Amino acid sequence: MRCGTKCFIVTIEQDDEQTVKEVPARSQVDARKMVRKRFGEDMTIRSVRRK
């Protein structure tokens, strides 16, 4: 983990199903980048909230 890391709750929609994931990241923008790298560009991010 990096310095200043917080936990974010990310809601994504992929193939018509919604999934909630916990992502350790420094900011909401960083959390979005990490989710896109992990799950691909073909999904939609619905919300990013701090835990």
N, C-alpha and C. Protein backbone atom coordinates (compact mmCIF):
# COMPACT_ATOMS: atom_id res chain seq x y z
N MET A 1 0.83 -1.18 0.00
CA MET A 1 0.00 0.00 0.00
C MET A 1 0.88 1.24 0.00
N ARG A 2 0.34 2.27 -0.59
CA ARG A 2 1.09 3.51 -0.69
C ARG A 2 0.69 4.46 0.44
N CYS A 3 1.51 5.42 0.65
CA CYS A 3 1.27 6.42 1.70
C CYS A 3 0.02 7.24 1.34
N GLY A 4 -0.85 7.47 2.30
CA GLY A 4 -2.06 8.25 2.06
C GLY A 4 -3.19 7.47 1.43
N THR A 5 -3.13 6.17 1.48
CA THR A 5 -4.15 5.33 0.85
C THR A 5 -5.39 5.23 1.73
N LYS A 6 -6.56 5.39 1.09
CA LYS A 6 -7.85 5.23 1.75
C LYS A 6 -8.61 4.13 1.03
N CYS A 7 -9.71 3.71 1.60
CA CYS A 7 -10.51 2.66 0.97
C CYS A 7 -11.75 3.30 0.35
N PHE A 8 -12.03 2.95 -0.90
CA PHE A 8 -13.19 3.46 -1.61
C PHE A 8 -14.10 2.31 -2.01
N ILE A 9 -15.40 2.58 -1.99
CA ILE A 9 -16.42 1.63 -2.44
C ILE A 9 -16.83 2.04 -3.85
N VAL A 10 -16.59 1.15 -4.81
CA VAL A 10 -16.87 1.45 -6.21
C VAL A 10 -17.99 0.53 -6.69
N THR A 11 -19.05 1.13 -7.24
CA THR A 11 -20.15 0.38 -7.82
C THR A 11 -19.98 0.39 -9.33
N ILE A 12 -19.87 -0.80 -9.93
CA ILE A 12 -19.70 -0.90 -11.37
C ILE A 12 -20.83 -1.71 -11.98
N GLU A 13 -21.09 -1.45 -13.25
CA GLU A 13 -22.11 -2.20 -14.00
C GLU A 13 -21.43 -2.82 -15.20
N GLN A 14 -21.51 -4.15 -15.28
CA GLN A 14 -20.89 -4.87 -16.39
C GLN A 14 -21.81 -6.02 -16.78
N ASP A 15 -22.12 -6.13 -18.05
CA ASP A 15 -23.01 -7.17 -18.57
C ASP A 15 -24.36 -7.17 -17.85
N ASP A 16 -24.94 -5.99 -17.63
CA ASP A 16 -26.25 -5.80 -17.01
C ASP A 16 -26.34 -6.30 -15.57
N GLU A 17 -25.22 -6.39 -14.87
CA GLU A 17 -25.27 -6.69 -13.44
C GLU A 17 -24.38 -5.71 -12.69
N GLN A 18 -24.85 -5.30 -11.51
CA GLN A 18 -24.10 -4.35 -10.69
C GLN A 18 -23.26 -5.10 -9.67
N THR A 19 -22.04 -4.60 -9.47
CA THR A 19 -21.10 -5.20 -8.54
C THR A 19 -20.51 -4.10 -7.68
N VAL A 20 -20.30 -4.40 -6.40
CA VAL A 20 -19.68 -3.45 -5.48
C VAL A 20 -18.31 -3.99 -5.09
N LYS A 21 -17.27 -3.16 -5.24
CA LYS A 21 -15.91 -3.56 -4.94
C LYS A 21 -15.27 -2.56 -3.99
N GLU A 22 -14.39 -3.04 -3.12
CA GLU A 22 -13.59 -2.17 -2.27
C GLU A 22 -12.22 -2.01 -2.91
N VAL A 23 -11.79 -0.76 -3.08
CA VAL A 23 -10.54 -0.48 -3.77
C VAL A 23 -9.68 0.42 -2.88
N PRO A 24 -8.46 0.01 -2.55
CA PRO A 24 -7.54 0.90 -1.84
C PRO A 24 -6.88 1.85 -2.82
N ALA A 25 -7.07 3.17 -2.62
CA ALA A 25 -6.52 4.17 -3.54
C ALA A 25 -6.30 5.48 -2.79
N ARG A 26 -5.56 6.37 -3.41
CA ARG A 26 -5.29 7.68 -2.79
C ARG A 26 -6.45 8.66 -2.97
N SER A 27 -7.13 8.58 -4.11
CA SER A 27 -8.23 9.51 -4.39
C SER A 27 -9.30 8.79 -5.21
N GLN A 28 -10.42 9.47 -5.44
CA GLN A 28 -11.49 8.88 -6.24
C GLN A 28 -11.04 8.67 -7.68
N VAL A 29 -10.26 9.58 -8.21
CA VAL A 29 -9.76 9.45 -9.57
C VAL A 29 -8.85 8.23 -9.68
N ASP A 30 -7.97 8.06 -8.70
CA ASP A 30 -7.07 6.91 -8.67
C ASP A 30 -7.86 5.60 -8.54
N ALA A 31 -8.94 5.62 -7.77
CA ALA A 31 -9.78 4.43 -7.63
C ALA A 31 -10.42 4.06 -8.96
N ARG A 32 -10.89 5.04 -9.70
CA ARG A 32 -11.48 4.79 -11.02
C ARG A 32 -10.44 4.19 -11.98
N LYS A 33 -9.22 4.73 -11.95
CA LYS A 33 -8.16 4.21 -12.82
C LYS A 33 -7.85 2.76 -12.50
N MET A 34 -7.77 2.44 -11.21
CA MET A 34 -7.45 1.08 -10.80
C MET A 34 -8.55 0.09 -11.22
N VAL A 35 -9.81 0.51 -11.09
CA VAL A 35 -10.93 -0.36 -11.47
C VAL A 35 -10.93 -0.59 -12.98
N ARG A 36 -10.66 0.46 -13.76
CA ARG A 36 -10.62 0.30 -15.22
C ARG A 36 -9.51 -0.65 -15.65
N LYS A 37 -8.36 -0.56 -15.00
CA LYS A 37 -7.24 -1.46 -15.33
C LYS A 37 -7.58 -2.90 -14.98
N ARG A 38 -8.23 -3.10 -13.84
CA ARG A 38 -8.51 -4.45 -13.35
C ARG A 38 -9.66 -5.12 -14.11
N PHE A 39 -10.73 -4.37 -14.42
CA PHE A 39 -11.93 -4.98 -15.00
C PHE A 39 -12.16 -4.65 -16.46
N GLY A 40 -11.34 -3.80 -17.06
CA GLY A 40 -11.47 -3.49 -18.48
C GLY A 40 -12.26 -2.23 -18.74
N GLU A 41 -12.20 -1.78 -19.98
CA GLU A 41 -12.84 -0.53 -20.37
C GLU A 41 -14.32 -0.69 -20.71
N ASP A 42 -14.82 -1.91 -20.84
CA ASP A 42 -16.19 -2.12 -21.31
C ASP A 42 -17.23 -2.05 -20.20
N MET A 43 -16.85 -1.71 -18.99
CA MET A 43 -17.81 -1.60 -17.90
C MET A 43 -18.06 -0.13 -17.57
N THR A 44 -19.15 0.12 -16.84
CA THR A 44 -19.55 1.47 -16.47
C THR A 44 -19.41 1.64 -14.96
N ILE A 45 -18.74 2.71 -14.55
CA ILE A 45 -18.60 3.00 -13.12
C ILE A 45 -19.78 3.86 -12.72
N ARG A 46 -20.60 3.36 -11.78
CA ARG A 46 -21.79 4.08 -11.33
C ARG A 46 -21.50 5.06 -10.20
N SER A 47 -20.70 4.64 -9.21
CA SER A 47 -20.39 5.56 -8.11
C SER A 47 -19.07 5.16 -7.46
N VAL A 48 -18.43 6.17 -6.86
CA VAL A 48 -17.21 5.98 -6.09
C VAL A 48 -17.40 6.74 -4.78
N ARG A 49 -17.40 6.01 -3.67
CA ARG A 49 -17.61 6.61 -2.35
C ARG A 49 -16.47 6.22 -1.42
N ARG A 50 -16.17 7.13 -0.49
CA ARG A 50 -15.16 6.82 0.51
C ARG A 50 -15.78 5.98 1.61
N LYS A 51 -15.07 4.98 2.04
CA LYS A 51 -15.59 4.06 3.08
C LYS A 51 -15.56 4.69 4.43
